Amino acid sequence: MPDETFVEAARAHWFAHTDLIRPIAAASAAACSAAEHAPIAVVSANYSDVVRHGLTVVGLDDLPWTIVGRNDVTPTKPATDAYLHAARLLGVFPDQCLAHEDTDEGITAATTAGMNVIDIRHHHWH
């Protein structure tokens, strides 16, 4: 399947099922705390509108997010473009950033961009 066909199918799936997402209290608290101390961003291989919809569903849409999605940069992860673009928009150097990632591609992108990374797949969210 061509990449764009897959991406459009995934986009349709996300919009059809995003309302099933449930917030994780610890992750929500971490995002709120981070927003009190520093600029925050979501860097995603998804489209920005899908990310915004997800943030709305989990009640985090009122935070001052900078959102960088696949519609904002080319190429996407594991290339560094999205993370470097987010850092520029936030007005910070990459080495001042802490990325929370859940994919190998994202970890590669953030690390190669010079950012500190937490692999959230190794954290037990309750």
PDB file of N, CA and C in Angstrom:
ATOM      1  N   MET A   1       0.846  -1.164   0.000  1.00  0.00           N
ATOM      2  CA  MET A   1       0.000   0.000   0.000  1.00  0.00           C
ATOM      3  C   MET A   1       0.902   1.241   0.000  1.00  0.00           C
ATOM      4  N   PRO A   2       0.646   2.188  -0.874  1.00  0.00           N
ATOM      5  CA  PRO A   2       1.443   3.422  -0.866  1.00  0.00           C
ATOM      6  C   PRO A   2       1.301   4.165   0.465  1.00  0.00           C
ATOM      7  N   ASP A   3       2.367   4.838   0.864  1.00  0.00           N
ATOM      8  CA  ASP A   3       2.395   5.540   2.144  1.00  0.00           C
ATOM      9  C   ASP A   3       1.212   6.495   2.297  1.00  0.00           C
ATOM     10  N   GLU A   4       0.916   7.284   1.284  1.00  0.00           N
ATOM     11  CA  GLU A   4      -0.183   8.258   1.393  1.00  0.00           C
ATOM     12  C   GLU A   4      -1.535   7.572   1.573  1.00  0.00           C
ATOM     13  N   THR A   5      -1.727   6.421   0.949  1.00  0.00           N
ATOM     14  CA  THR A   5      -2.973   5.663   1.121  1.00  0.00           C
ATOM     15  C   THR A   5      -3.095   5.199   2.566  1.00  0.00           C
ATOM     16  N   PHE A   6      -1.985   4.686   3.104  1.00  0.00           N
ATOM     17  CA  PHE A   6      -1.981   4.247   4.498  1.00  0.00           C
ATOM     18  C   PHE A   6      -2.259   5.423   5.438  1.00  0.00           C
ATOM     19  N   VAL A   7      -1.604   6.551   5.204  1.00  0.00           N
ATOM     20  CA  VAL A   7      -1.763   7.723   6.059  1.00  0.00           C
ATOM     21  C   VAL A   7      -3.212   8.198   6.040  1.00  0.00           C
ATOM     22  N   GLU A   8      -3.822   8.249   4.892  1.00  0.00           N
ATOM     23  CA  GLU A   8      -5.225   8.690   4.803  1.00  0.00           C
ATOM     24  C   GLU A   8      -6.163   7.709   5.497  1.00  0.00           C
ATOM     25  N   ALA A   9      -5.884   6.412   5.379  1.00  0.00           N
ATOM     26  CA  ALA A   9      -6.702   5.405   6.069  1.00  0.00           C
ATOM     27  C   ALA A   9      -6.542   5.543   7.583  1.00  0.00           C
ATOM     28  N   ALA A  10      -5.310   5.754   8.028  1.00  0.00           N
ATOM     29  CA  ALA A  10      -5.057   5.938   9.465  1.00  0.00           C
ATOM     30  C   ALA A  10      -5.742   7.202   9.966  1.00  0.00           C
ATOM     31  N   ARG A  11      -5.681   8.275   9.187  1.00  0.00           N
ATOM     32  CA  ARG A  11      -6.330   9.541   9.551  1.00  0.00           C
ATOM     33  C   ARG A  11      -7.835   9.340   9.726  1.00  0.00           C
ATOM     34  N   ALA A  12      -8.443   8.669   8.781  1.00  0.00           N
ATOM     35  CA  ALA A  12      -9.882   8.404   8.871  1.00  0.00           C
ATOM     36  C   ALA A  12     -10.201   7.562  10.110  1.00  0.00           C
ATOM     37  N   HIS A  13      -9.359   6.567  10.372  1.00  0.00           N
ATOM     38  CA  HIS A  13      -9.559   5.720  11.550  1.00  0.00           C
ATOM     39  C   HIS A  13      -9.464   6.543  12.836  1.00  0.00           C
ATOM     40  N   TRP A  14      -8.428   7.408  12.941  1.00  0.00           N
ATOM     41  CA  TRP A  14      -8.256   8.235  14.131  1.00  0.00           C
ATOM     42  C   TRP A  14      -9.475   9.120  14.369  1.00  0.00           C
ATOM     43  N   PHE A  15      -9.943   9.789  13.332  1.00  0.00           N
ATOM     44  CA  PHE A  15     -11.100  10.669  13.504  1.00  0.00           C
ATOM     45  C   PHE A  15     -12.355   9.887  13.871  1.00  0.00           C
ATOM     46  N   ALA A  16     -12.494   8.690  13.343  1.00  0.00           N
ATOM     47  CA  ALA A  16     -13.672   7.873  13.645  1.00  0.00           C
ATOM     48  C   ALA A  16     -13.640   7.307  15.058  1.00  0.00           C
ATOM     49  N   HIS A  17     -12.437   7.152  15.637  1.00  0.00           N
ATOM     50  CA  HIS A  17     -12.321   6.469  16.923  1.00  0.00           C
ATOM     51  C   HIS A  17     -11.677   7.291  18.033  1.00  0.00           C
ATOM     52  N   THR A  18     -11.335   8.537  17.783  1.00  0.00           N
ATOM     53  CA  THR A  18     -10.644   9.352  18.780  1.00  0.00           C
ATOM     54  C   THR A  18     -11.464   9.515  20.051  1.00  0.00           C
ATOM     55  N   ASP A  19     -12.769   9.523  19.933  1.00  0.00           N
ATOM     56  CA  ASP A  19     -13.610   9.701  21.117  1.00  0.00           C
ATOM     57  C   ASP A  19     -13.505   8.531  22.089  1.00  0.00           C
ATOM     58  N   LEU A  20     -12.863   7.440  21.690  1.00  0.00           N
ATOM     59  CA  LEU A  20     -12.652   6.301  22.580  1.00  0.00           C
ATOM     60  C   LEU A  20     -11.428   6.480  23.478  1.00  0.00           C
ATOM     61  N   ILE A  21     -10.618   7.491  23.180  1.00  0.00           N
ATOM     62  CA  ILE A  21      -9.415   7.733  23.973  1.00  0.00           C
ATOM     63  C   ILE A  21      -9.813   8.169  25.379  1.00  0.00           C
ATOM     64  N   ARG A  22      -9.110   7.654  26.355  1.00  0.00           N
ATOM     65  CA  ARG A  22      -9.333   8.048  27.743  1.00  0.00           C
ATOM     66  C   ARG A  22      -8.049   8.669  28.269  1.00  0.00           C
ATOM     67  N   PRO A  23      -8.166   9.765  28.984  1.00  0.00           N
ATOM     68  CA  PRO A  23      -6.947  10.393  29.517  1.00  0.00           C
ATOM     69  C   PRO A  23      -6.289   9.515  30.571  1.00  0.00           C
ATOM     70  N   ILE A  24      -4.984   9.613  30.635  1.00  0.00           N
ATOM     71  CA  ILE A  24      -4.208   8.949  31.683  1.00  0.00           C
ATOM     72  C   ILE A  24      -3.842  10.046  32.668  1.00  0.00           C
ATOM     73  N   ALA A  25      -4.334   9.941  33.890  1.00  0.00           N
ATOM     74  CA  ALA A  25      -4.187  11.013  34.875  1.00  0.00           C
ATOM     75  C   ALA A  25      -2.740  11.454  35.059  1.00  0.00           C
ATOM     76  N   ALA A  26      -1.823  10.508  35.177  1.00  0.00           N
ATOM     77  CA  ALA A  26      -0.419  10.864  35.402  1.00  0.00           C
ATOM     78  C   ALA A  26       0.166  11.605  34.199  1.00  0.00           C
ATOM     79  N   ALA A  27      -0.193  11.183  32.995  1.00  0.00           N
ATOM     80  CA  ALA A  27       0.310  11.853  31.792  1.00  0.00           C
ATOM     81  C   ALA A  27      -0.291  13.247  31.672  1.00  0.00           C
ATOM     82  N   SER A  28      -1.569  13.387  31.975  1.00  0.00           N
ATOM     83  CA  SER A  28      -2.214  14.701  31.941  1.00  0.00           C
ATOM     84  C   SER A  28      -1.593  15.646  32.963  1.00  0.00           C
ATOM     85  N   ALA A  29      -1.336  15.134  34.149  1.00  0.00           N
ATOM     86  CA  ALA A  29      -0.713  15.955  35.195  1.00  0.00           C
ATOM     87  C   ALA A  29       0.688  16.381  34.781  1.00  0.00           C
ATOM     88  N   ALA A  30       1.435  15.473  34.152  1.00  0.00           N
ATOM     89  CA  ALA A  30       2.788  15.804  33.700  1.00  0.00           C
ATOM     90  C   ALA A  30       2.746  16.896  32.637  1.00  0.00           C
ATOM     91  N   ALA A  31       1.791  16.819  31.715  1.00  0.00           N
ATOM     92  CA  ALA A  31       1.660  17.844  30.669  1.00  0.00           C
ATOM     93  C   ALA A  31       1.304  19.195  31.273  1.00  0.00           C
ATOM     94  N   CYS A  32       0.374  19.197  32.212  1.00  0.00           N
ATOM     95  CA  CYS A  32      -0.022  20.451  32.861  1.00  0.00           C
ATOM     96  C   CYS A  32       1.137  21.061  33.645  1.00  0.00           C
ATOM     97  N   SER A  33       1.875  20.234  34.341  1.00  0.00           N
ATOM     98  CA  SER A  33       3.028  20.713  35.097  1.00  0.00           C
ATOM     99  C   SER A  33       4.095  21.275  34.176  1.00  0.00           C
ATOM    100  N   ALA A  34       4.365  20.566  33.089  1.00  0.00           N
ATOM    101  CA  ALA A  34       5.369  21.030  32.130  1.00  0.00           C
ATOM    102  C   ALA A  34       4.982  22.388  31.553  1.00  0.00           C
ATOM    103  N   ALA A  35       3.704  22.558  31.257  1.00  0.00           N
ATOM    104  CA  ALA A  35       3.234  23.818  30.666  1.00  0.00           C
ATOM    105  C   ALA A  35       3.391  25.002  31.614  1.00  0.00           C
ATOM    106  N   GLU A  36       3.451  24.745  32.911  1.00  0.00           N
ATOM    107  CA  GLU A  36       3.648  25.816  33.889  1.00  0.00           C
ATOM    108  C   GLU A  36       5.090  26.295  33.923  1.00  0.00           C
ATOM    109  N   HIS A  37       6.017  25.484  33.421  1.00  0.00           N
ATOM    110  CA  HIS A  37       7.441  25.772  33.565  1.00  0.00           C
ATOM    111  C   HIS A  37       8.191  26.034  32.262  1.00  0.00           C
ATOM    112  N   ALA A  38       7.612  25.633  31.142  1.00  0.00           N
ATOM    113  CA  ALA A  38       8.333  25.751  29.871  1.00  0.00           C
ATOM    114  C   ALA A  38       7.336  25.681  28.721  1.00  0.00           C
ATOM    115  N   PRO A  39       7.756  26.115  27.548  1.00  0.00           N
ATOM    116  CA  PRO A  39       6.890  25.937  26.378  1.00  0.00           C
ATOM    117  C   PRO A  39       6.774  24.448  26.047  1.00  0.00           C
ATOM    118  N   ILE A  40       5.617  24.053  25.531  1.00  0.00           N
ATOM    119  CA  ILE A  40       5.372  22.637  25.258  1.00  0.00           C
ATOM    120  C   ILE A  40       4.928  22.437  23.807  1.00  0.00           C
ATOM    121  N   ALA A  41       5.217  21.266  23.296  1.00  0.00           N
ATOM    122  CA  ALA A  41       4.857  20.952  21.916  1.00  0.00           C
ATOM    123  C   ALA A  41       4.458  19.496  21.784  1.00  0.00           C
ATOM    124  N   VAL A  42       3.696  19.224  20.755  1.00  0.00           N
ATOM    125  CA  VAL A  42       3.456  17.859  20.306  1.00  0.00           C
ATOM    126  C   VAL A  42       4.070  17.775  18.919  1.00  0.00           C
ATOM    127  N   VAL A  43       4.947  16.799  18.748  1.00  0.00           N
ATOM    128  CA  VAL A  43       5.578  16.541  17.454  1.00  0.00           C
ATOM    129  C   VAL A  43       5.083  15.168  17.029  1.00  0.00           C
ATOM    130  N   SER A  44       4.322  15.127  15.943  1.00  0.00           N
ATOM    131  CA  SER A  44       3.656  13.883  15.577  1.00  0.00           C
ATOM    132  C   SER A  44       3.828  13.552  14.101  1.00  0.00           C
ATOM    133  N   ALA A  45       3.793  12.264  13.815  1.00  0.00           N
ATOM    134  CA  ALA A  45       3.747  11.800  12.432  1.00  0.00           C
ATOM    135  C   ALA A  45       2.320  11.875  11.900  1.00  0.00           C
ATOM    136  N   ASN A  46       1.380  12.213  12.757  1.00  0.00           N
ATOM    137  CA  ASN A  46      -0.004  12.417  12.362  1.00  0.00           C
ATOM    138  C   ASN A  46      -0.190  13.834  11.859  1.00  0.00           C
ATOM    139  N   TYR A  47      -1.332  14.097  11.265  1.00  0.00           N
ATOM    140  CA  TYR A  47      -1.675  15.458  10.867  1.00  0.00           C
ATOM    141  C   TYR A  47      -2.012  16.282  12.109  1.00  0.00           C
ATOM    142  N   SER A  48      -1.750  17.571  12.047  1.00  0.00           N
ATOM    143  CA  SER A  48      -1.972  18.463  13.185  1.00  0.00           C
ATOM    144  C   SER A  48      -3.424  18.463  13.653  1.00  0.00           C
ATOM    145  N   ASP A  49      -4.376  18.398  12.746  1.00  0.00           N
ATOM    146  CA  ASP A  49      -5.772  18.433  13.163  1.00  0.00           C
ATOM    147  C   ASP A  49      -6.164  17.168  13.924  1.00  0.00           C
ATOM    148  N   VAL A  50      -5.538  16.045  13.606  1.00  0.00           N
ATOM    149  CA  VAL A  50      -5.794  14.810  14.351  1.00  0.00           C
ATOM    150  C   VAL A  50      -5.254  14.964  15.775  1.00  0.00           C
ATOM    151  N   VAL A  51      -4.066  15.541  15.903  1.00  0.00           N
ATOM    152  CA  VAL A  51      -3.467  15.772  17.221  1.00  0.00           C
ATOM    153  C   VAL A  51      -4.355  16.713  18.034  1.00  0.00           C
ATOM    154  N   ARG A  52      -4.795  17.813  17.435  1.00  0.00           N
ATOM    155  CA  ARG A  52      -5.651  18.768  18.150  1.00  0.00           C
ATOM    156  C   ARG A  52      -6.936  18.103  18.635  1.00  0.00           C
ATOM    157  N   HIS A  53      -7.520  17.272  17.786  1.00  0.00           N
ATOM    158  CA  HIS A  53      -8.749  16.575  18.170  1.00  0.00           C
ATOM    159  C   HIS A  53      -8.495  15.650  19.362  1.00  0.00           C
ATOM    160  N   GLY A  54      -7.374  14.930  19.331  1.00  0.00           N
ATOM    161  CA  GLY A  54      -7.033  14.052  20.457  1.00  0.00           C
ATOM    162  C   GLY A  54      -6.831  14.830  21.743  1.00  0.00           C
ATOM    163  N   LEU A  55      -6.161  15.983  21.659  1.00  0.00           N
ATOM    164  CA  LEU A  55      -5.954  16.818  22.849  1.00  0.00           C
ATOM    165  C   LEU A  55      -7.285  17.320  23.399  1.00  0.00           C
ATOM    166  N   THR A  56      -8.219  17.632  22.517  1.00  0.00           N
ATOM    167  CA  THR A  56      -9.547  18.074  22.951  1.00  0.00           C
ATOM    168  C   THR A  56     -10.262  16.954  23.687  1.00  0.00           C
ATOM    169  N   VAL A  57     -10.205  15.754  23.125  1.00  0.00           N
ATOM    170  CA  VAL A  57     -10.898  14.609  23.727  1.00  0.00           C
ATOM    171  C   VAL A  57     -10.385  14.324  25.134  1.00  0.00           C
ATOM    172  N   VAL A  58      -9.079  14.450  25.366  1.00  0.00           N
ATOM    173  CA  VAL A  58      -8.535  14.149  26.692  1.00  0.00           C
ATOM    174  C   VAL A  58      -8.498  15.377  27.600  1.00  0.00           C
ATOM    175  N   GLY A  59      -9.019  16.506  27.129  1.00  0.00           N
ATOM    176  CA  GLY A  59      -9.134  17.689  27.974  1.00  0.00           C
ATOM    177  C   GLY A  59      -7.855  18.488  28.137  1.00  0.00           C
ATOM    178  N   LEU A  60      -6.936  18.364  27.187  1.00  0.00           N
ATOM    179  CA  LEU A  60      -5.679  19.105  27.281  1.00  0.00           C
ATOM    180  C   LEU A  60      -5.551  20.185  26.208  1.00  0.00           C
ATOM    181  N   ASP A  61      -6.645  20.490  25.544  1.00  0.00           N
ATOM    182  CA  ASP A  61      -6.606  21.460  24.459  1.00  0.00           C
ATOM    183  C   ASP A  61      -6.459  22.901  24.936  1.00  0.00           C
ATOM    184  N   ASP A  62      -6.612  23.130  26.237  1.00  0.00           N
ATOM    185  CA  ASP A  62      -6.476  24.500  26.754  1.00  0.00           C
ATOM    186  C   ASP A  62      -5.025  24.856  27.102  1.00  0.00           C
ATOM    187  N   LEU A  63      -4.099  23.885  26.986  1.00  0.00           N
ATOM    188  CA  LEU A  63      -2.688  24.174  27.236  1.00  0.00           C
ATOM    189  C   LEU A  63      -2.080  24.860  26.011  1.00  0.00           C
ATOM    190  N   PRO A  64      -1.032  25.639  26.198  1.00  0.00           N
ATOM    191  CA  PRO A  64      -0.445  26.403  25.086  1.00  0.00           C
ATOM    192  C   PRO A  64       0.479  25.566  24.195  1.00  0.00           C
ATOM    193  N   TRP A  65      -0.103  24.585  23.529  1.00  0.00           N
ATOM    194  CA  TRP A  65       0.662  23.664  22.701  1.00  0.00           C
ATOM    195  C   TRP A  65       1.165  24.323  21.419  1.00  0.00           C
ATOM    196  N   THR A  66       2.369  23.977  21.036  1.00  0.00           N
ATOM    197  CA  THR A  66       2.848  24.157  19.670  1.00  0.00           C
ATOM    198  C   THR A  66       2.733  22.769  19.065  1.00  0.00           C
ATOM    199  N   ILE A  67       2.042  22.672  17.949  1.00  0.00           N
ATOM    200  CA  ILE A  67       1.828  21.363  17.333  1.00  0.00           C
ATOM    201  C   ILE A  67       2.519  21.327  15.979  1.00  0.00           C
ATOM    202  N   VAL A  68       3.342  20.311  15.814  1.00  0.00           N
ATOM    203  CA  VAL A  68       4.021  20.080  14.536  1.00  0.00           C
ATOM    204  C   VAL A  68       3.614  18.689  14.064  1.00  0.00           C
ATOM    205  N   GLY A  69       2.919  18.657  12.939  1.00  0.00           N
ATOM    206  CA  GLY A  69       2.467  17.397  12.371  1.00  0.00           C
ATOM    207  C   GLY A  69       3.069  17.149  11.010  1.00  0.00           C
ATOM    208  N   ARG A  70       2.670  16.046  10.421  1.00  0.00           N
ATOM    209  CA  ARG A  70       3.215  15.653   9.114  1.00  0.00           C
ATOM    210  C   ARG A  70       2.882  16.668   8.033  1.00  0.00           C
ATOM    211  N   ASN A  71       1.855  17.487   8.247  1.00  0.00           N
ATOM    212  CA  ASN A  71       1.507  18.515   7.273  1.00  0.00           C
ATOM    213  C   ASN A  71       2.403  19.743   7.391  1.00  0.00           C
ATOM    214  N   ASP A  72       3.243  19.801   8.423  1.00  0.00           N
ATOM    215  CA  ASP A  72       4.109  20.956   8.651  1.00  0.00           C
ATOM    216  C   ASP A  72       5.536  20.774   8.151  1.00  0.00           C
ATOM    217  N   VAL A  73       5.993  19.546   8.042  1.00  0.00           N
ATOM    218  CA  VAL A  73       7.382  19.281   7.638  1.00  0.00           C
ATOM    219  C   VAL A  73       7.464  18.044   6.751  1.00  0.00           C
ATOM    220  N   THR A  74       8.515  18.021   5.959  1.00  0.00           N
ATOM    221  CA  THR A  74       8.838  16.853   5.160  1.00  0.00           C
ATOM    222  C   THR A  74      10.347  16.711   5.224  1.00  0.00           C
ATOM    223  N   PRO A  75      10.883  15.588   5.487  1.00  0.00           N
ATOM    224  CA  PRO A  75      10.226  14.314   5.769  1.00  0.00           C
ATOM    225  C   PRO A  75       9.803  14.201   7.234  1.00  0.00           C
ATOM    226  N   THR A  76       9.054  13.143   7.531  1.00  0.00           N
ATOM    227  CA  THR A  76       8.606  12.896   8.903  1.00  0.00           C
ATOM    228  C   THR A  76       9.631  12.036   9.639  1.00  0.00           C
ATOM    229  N   LYS A  77       9.326  11.722  10.876  1.00  0.00           N
ATOM    230  CA  LYS A  77      10.206  10.881  11.680  1.00  0.00           C
ATOM    231  C   LYS A  77      10.532   9.599  10.925  1.00  0.00           C
ATOM    232  N   PRO A  78      11.737   9.106  10.968  1.00  0.00           N
ATOM    233  CA  PRO A  78      12.823   9.358  11.897  1.00  0.00           C
ATOM    234  C   PRO A  78      13.722  10.544  11.526  1.00  0.00           C
ATOM    235  N   ALA A  79      13.379  11.285  10.480  1.00  0.00           N
ATOM    236  CA  ALA A  79      14.142  12.496  10.172  1.00  0.00           C
ATOM    237  C   ALA A  79      13.954  13.504  11.306  1.00  0.00           C
ATOM    238  N   THR A  80      14.903  14.389  11.461  1.00  0.00           N
ATOM    239  CA  THR A  80      14.892  15.359  12.569  1.00  0.00           C
ATOM    240  C   THR A  80      14.032  16.585  12.302  1.00  0.00           C
ATOM    241  N   ASP A  81      13.544  16.756  11.082  1.00  0.00           N
ATOM    242  CA  ASP A  81      12.885  17.997  10.663  1.00  0.00           C
ATOM    243  C   ASP A  81      11.774  18.458  11.603  1.00  0.00           C
ATOM    244  N   ALA A  82      10.880  17.560  12.004  1.00  0.00           N
ATOM    245  CA  ALA A  82       9.746  17.950  12.844  1.00  0.00           C
ATOM    246  C   ALA A  82      10.212  18.437  14.214  1.00  0.00           C
ATOM    247  N   TYR A  83      11.154  17.726  14.812  1.00  0.00           N
ATOM    248  CA  TYR A  83      11.651  18.143  16.120  1.00  0.00           C
ATOM    249  C   TYR A  83      12.414  19.463  16.045  1.00  0.00           C
ATOM    250  N   LEU A  84      13.238  19.627  15.025  1.00  0.00           N
ATOM    251  CA  LEU A  84      13.977  20.881  14.893  1.00  0.00           C
ATOM    252  C   LEU A  84      13.033  22.054  14.613  1.00  0.00           C
ATOM    253  N   HIS A  85      11.989  21.802  13.841  1.00  0.00           N
ATOM    254  CA  HIS A  85      10.990  22.842  13.571  1.00  0.00           C
ATOM    255  C   HIS A  85      10.273  23.237  14.865  1.00  0.00           C
ATOM    256  N   ALA A  86       9.913  22.251  15.667  1.00  0.00           N
ATOM    257  CA  ALA A  86       9.248  22.539  16.951  1.00  0.00           C
ATOM    258  C   ALA A  86      10.147  23.370  17.852  1.00  0.00           C
ATOM    259  N   ALA A  87      11.421  23.021  17.934  1.00  0.00           N
ATOM    260  CA  ALA A  87      12.356  23.788  18.768  1.00  0.00           C
ATOM    261  C   ALA A  87      12.441  25.234  18.287  1.00  0.00           C
ATOM    262  N   ARG A  88      12.514  25.426  16.963  1.00  0.00           N
ATOM    263  CA  ARG A  88      12.547  26.797  16.421  1.00  0.00           C
ATOM    264  C   ARG A  88      11.283  27.563  16.802  1.00  0.00           C
ATOM    265  N   LEU A  89      10.122  26.919  16.650  1.00  0.00           N
ATOM    266  CA  LEU A  89       8.855  27.576  16.988  1.00  0.00           C
ATOM    267  C   LEU A  89       8.773  27.923  18.476  1.00  0.00           C
ATOM    268  N   LEU A  90       9.347  27.063  19.305  1.00  0.00           N
ATOM    269  CA  LEU A  90       9.342  27.295  20.755  1.00  0.00           C
ATOM    270  C   LEU A  90      10.405  28.311  21.171  1.00  0.00           C
ATOM    271  N   GLY A  91      11.346  28.577  20.285  1.00  0.00           N
ATOM    272  CA  GLY A  91      12.418  29.522  20.596  1.00  0.00           C
ATOM    273  C   GLY A  91      13.453  28.963  21.552  1.00  0.00           C
ATOM    274  N   VAL A  92      13.707  27.659  21.443  1.00  0.00           N
ATOM    275  CA  VAL A  92      14.694  27.010  22.314  1.00  0.00           C
ATOM    276  C   VAL A  92      15.674  26.198  21.470  1.00  0.00           C
ATOM    277  N   PHE A  93      16.837  25.933  22.041  1.00  0.00           N
ATOM    278  CA  PHE A  93      17.809  25.070  21.390  1.00  0.00           C
ATOM    279  C   PHE A  93      17.399  23.616  21.605  1.00  0.00           C
ATOM    280  N   PRO A  94      17.676  22.750  20.645  1.00  0.00           N
ATOM    281  CA  PRO A  94      17.305  21.341  20.786  1.00  0.00           C
ATOM    282  C   PRO A  94      17.808  20.697  22.076  1.00  0.00           C
ATOM    283  N   ASP A  95      19.027  21.053  22.522  1.00  0.00           N
ATOM    284  CA  ASP A  95      19.550  20.414  23.735  1.00  0.00           C
ATOM    285  C   ASP A  95      18.847  20.893  25.008  1.00  0.00           C
ATOM    286  N   GLN A  96      17.955  21.858  24.872  1.00  0.00           N
ATOM    287  CA  GLN A  96      17.141  22.317  26.001  1.00  0.00           C
ATOM    288  C   GLN A  96      15.786  21.606  26.036  1.00  0.00           C
ATOM    289  N   CYS A  97      15.557  20.715  25.083  1.00  0.00           N
ATOM    290  CA  CYS A  97      14.270  20.031  24.955  1.00  0.00           C
ATOM    291  C   CYS A  97      14.307  18.643  25.595  1.00  0.00           C
ATOM    292  N   LEU A  98      13.165  18.237  26.093  1.00  0.00           N
ATOM    293  CA  LEU A  98      12.967  16.891  26.599  1.00  0.00           C
ATOM    294  C   LEU A  98      11.787  16.293  25.844  1.00  0.00           C
ATOM    295  N   ALA A  99      12.068  15.326  25.001  1.00  0.00           N
ATOM    296  CA  ALA A  99      11.028  14.672  24.209  1.00  0.00           C
ATOM    297  C   ALA A  99      10.548  13.417  24.930  1.00  0.00           C
ATOM    298  N   HIS A 100       9.254  13.236  24.944  1.00  0.00           N
ATOM    299  CA  HIS A 100       8.649  12.006  25.454  1.00  0.00           C
ATOM    300  C   HIS A 100       8.169  11.263  24.212  1.00  0.00           C
ATOM    301  N   GLU A 101       8.728  10.104  23.958  1.00  0.00           N
ATOM    302  CA  GLU A 101       8.452   9.400  22.708  1.00  0.00           C
ATOM    303  C   GLU A 101       7.942   7.989  22.945  1.00  0.00           C
ATOM    304  N   ASP A 102       7.158   7.506  21.955  1.00  0.00           N
ATOM    305  CA  ASP A 102       6.600   6.162  22.052  1.00  0.00           C
ATOM    306  C   ASP A 102       6.893   5.300  20.823  1.00  0.00           C
ATOM    307  N   THR A 103       7.821   5.740  19.980  1.00  0.00           N
ATOM    308  CA  THR A 103       8.194   4.935  18.815  1.00  0.00           C
ATOM    309  C   THR A 103       9.710   4.974  18.612  1.00  0.00           C
ATOM    310  N   ASP A 104      10.214   3.939  17.979  1.00  0.00           N
ATOM    311  CA  ASP A 104      11.638   3.917  17.641  1.00  0.00           C
ATOM    312  C   ASP A 104      11.986   5.076  16.708  1.00  0.00           C
ATOM    313  N   GLU A 105      11.103   5.357  15.734  1.00  0.00           N
ATOM    314  CA  GLU A 105      11.345   6.445  14.785  1.00  0.00           C
ATOM    315  C   GLU A 105      11.410   7.792  15.490  1.00  0.00           C
ATOM    316  N   GLY A 106      10.515   8.003  16.451  1.00  0.00           N
ATOM    317  CA  GLY A 106      10.506   9.253  17.194  1.00  0.00           C
ATOM    318  C   GLY A 106      11.724   9.414  18.078  1.00  0.00           C
ATOM    319  N   ILE A 107      12.143   8.330  18.708  1.00  0.00           N
ATOM    320  CA  ILE A 107      13.343   8.373  19.549  1.00  0.00           C
ATOM    321  C   ILE A 107      14.564   8.695  18.689  1.00  0.00           C
ATOM    322  N   THR A 108      14.654   8.070  17.525  1.00  0.00           N
ATOM    323  CA  THR A 108      15.757   8.360  16.612  1.00  0.00           C
ATOM    324  C   THR A 108      15.730   9.825  16.193  1.00  0.00           C
ATOM    325  N   ALA A 109      14.559  10.334  15.828  1.00  0.00           N
ATOM    326  CA  ALA A 109      14.435  11.725  15.375  1.00  0.00           C
ATOM    327  C   ALA A 109      14.855  12.707  16.460  1.00  0.00           C
ATOM    328  N   ALA A 110      14.330  12.540  17.659  1.00  0.00           N
ATOM    329  CA  ALA A 110      14.631  13.472  18.748  1.00  0.00           C
ATOM    330  C   ALA A 110      16.095  13.386  19.172  1.00  0.00           C
ATOM    331  N   THR A 111      16.602  12.180  19.293  1.00  0.00           N
ATOM    332  CA  THR A 111      17.995  11.997  19.701  1.00  0.00           C
ATOM    333  C   THR A 111      18.949  12.583  18.664  1.00  0.00           C
ATOM    334  N   THR A 112      18.697  12.300  17.403  1.00  0.00           N
ATOM    335  CA  THR A 112      19.543  12.813  16.336  1.00  0.00           C
ATOM    336  C   THR A 112      19.464  14.336  16.250  1.00  0.00           C
ATOM    337  N   ALA A 113      18.310  14.899  16.631  1.00  0.00           N
ATOM    338  CA  ALA A 113      18.146  16.358  16.651  1.00  0.00           C
ATOM    339  C   ALA A 113      18.902  16.991  17.821  1.00  0.00           C
ATOM    340  N   GLY A 114      19.435  16.171  18.729  1.00  0.00           N
ATOM    341  CA  GLY A 114      20.192  16.681  19.863  1.00  0.00           C
ATOM    342  C   GLY A 114      19.363  16.882  21.121  1.00  0.00           C
ATOM    343  N   MET A 115      18.184  16.261  21.162  1.00  0.00           N
ATOM    344  CA  MET A 115      17.295  16.417  22.307  1.00  0.00           C
ATOM    345  C   MET A 115      17.464  15.271  23.292  1.00  0.00           C
ATOM    346  N   ASN A 116      17.106  15.535  24.526  1.00  0.00           N
ATOM    347  CA  ASN A 116      17.025  14.496  25.550  1.00  0.00           C
ATOM    348  C   ASN A 116      15.694  13.786  25.342  1.00  0.00           C
ATOM    349  N   VAL A 117      15.667  12.479  25.566  1.00  0.00           N
ATOM    350  CA  VAL A 117      14.478  11.692  25.246  1.00  0.00           C
ATOM    351  C   VAL A 117      14.120  10.756  26.393  1.00  0.00           C
ATOM    352  N   ILE A 118      12.835  10.677  26.680  1.00  0.00           N
ATOM    353  CA  ILE A 118      12.289   9.663  27.578  1.00  0.00           C
ATOM    354  C   ILE A 118      11.426   8.732  26.730  1.00  0.00           C
ATOM    355  N   ASP A 119      11.723   7.450  26.773  1.00  0.00           N
ATOM    356  CA  ASP A 119      10.929   6.447  26.068  1.00  0.00           C
ATOM    357  C   ASP A 119       9.763   6.085  26.980  1.00  0.00           C
ATOM    358  N   ILE A 120       8.591   6.618  26.667  1.00  0.00           N
ATOM    359  CA  ILE A 120       7.443   6.419  27.565  1.00  0.00           C
ATOM    360  C   ILE A 120       6.902   4.998  27.516  1.00  0.00           C
ATOM    361  N   ARG A 121       7.374   4.207  26.575  1.00  0.00           N
ATOM    362  CA  ARG A 121       6.939   2.802  26.542  1.00  0.00           C
ATOM    363  C   ARG A 121       7.485   2.041  27.738  1.00  0.00           C
ATOM    364  N   HIS A 122       8.501   2.589  28.391  1.00  0.00           N
ATOM    365  CA  HIS A 122       9.110   1.933  29.547  1.00  0.00           C
ATOM    366  C   HIS A 122       8.618   2.507  30.869  1.00  0.00           C
ATOM    367  N   HIS A 123       7.550   3.290  30.804  1.00  0.00           N
ATOM    368  CA  HIS A 123       6.983   3.885  32.007  1.00  0.00           C
ATOM    369  C   HIS A 123       5.604   3.266  32.214  1.00  0.00           C
ATOM    370  N   HIS A 124       5.288   2.902  33.422  1.00  0.00           N
ATOM    371  CA  HIS A 124       3.989   2.311  33.722  1.00  0.00           C
ATOM    372  C   HIS A 124       3.005   3.413  34.084  1.00  0.00           C
ATOM    373  N   TRP A 125       2.141   3.751  33.151  1.00  0.00           N
ATOM    374  CA  TRP A 125       1.134   4.786  33.376  1.00  0.00           C
ATOM    375  C   TRP A 125      -0.086   4.125  33.992  1.00  0.00           C
ATOM    376  N   HIS A 126      -0.528   4.651  35.105  1.00  0.00           N
ATOM    377  CA  HIS A 126      -1.693   4.055  35.793  1.00  0.00           C
ATOM    378  C   HIS A 126      -2.900   4.918  35.598  1.00  0.00           C
TER     379      HIS A 126
END
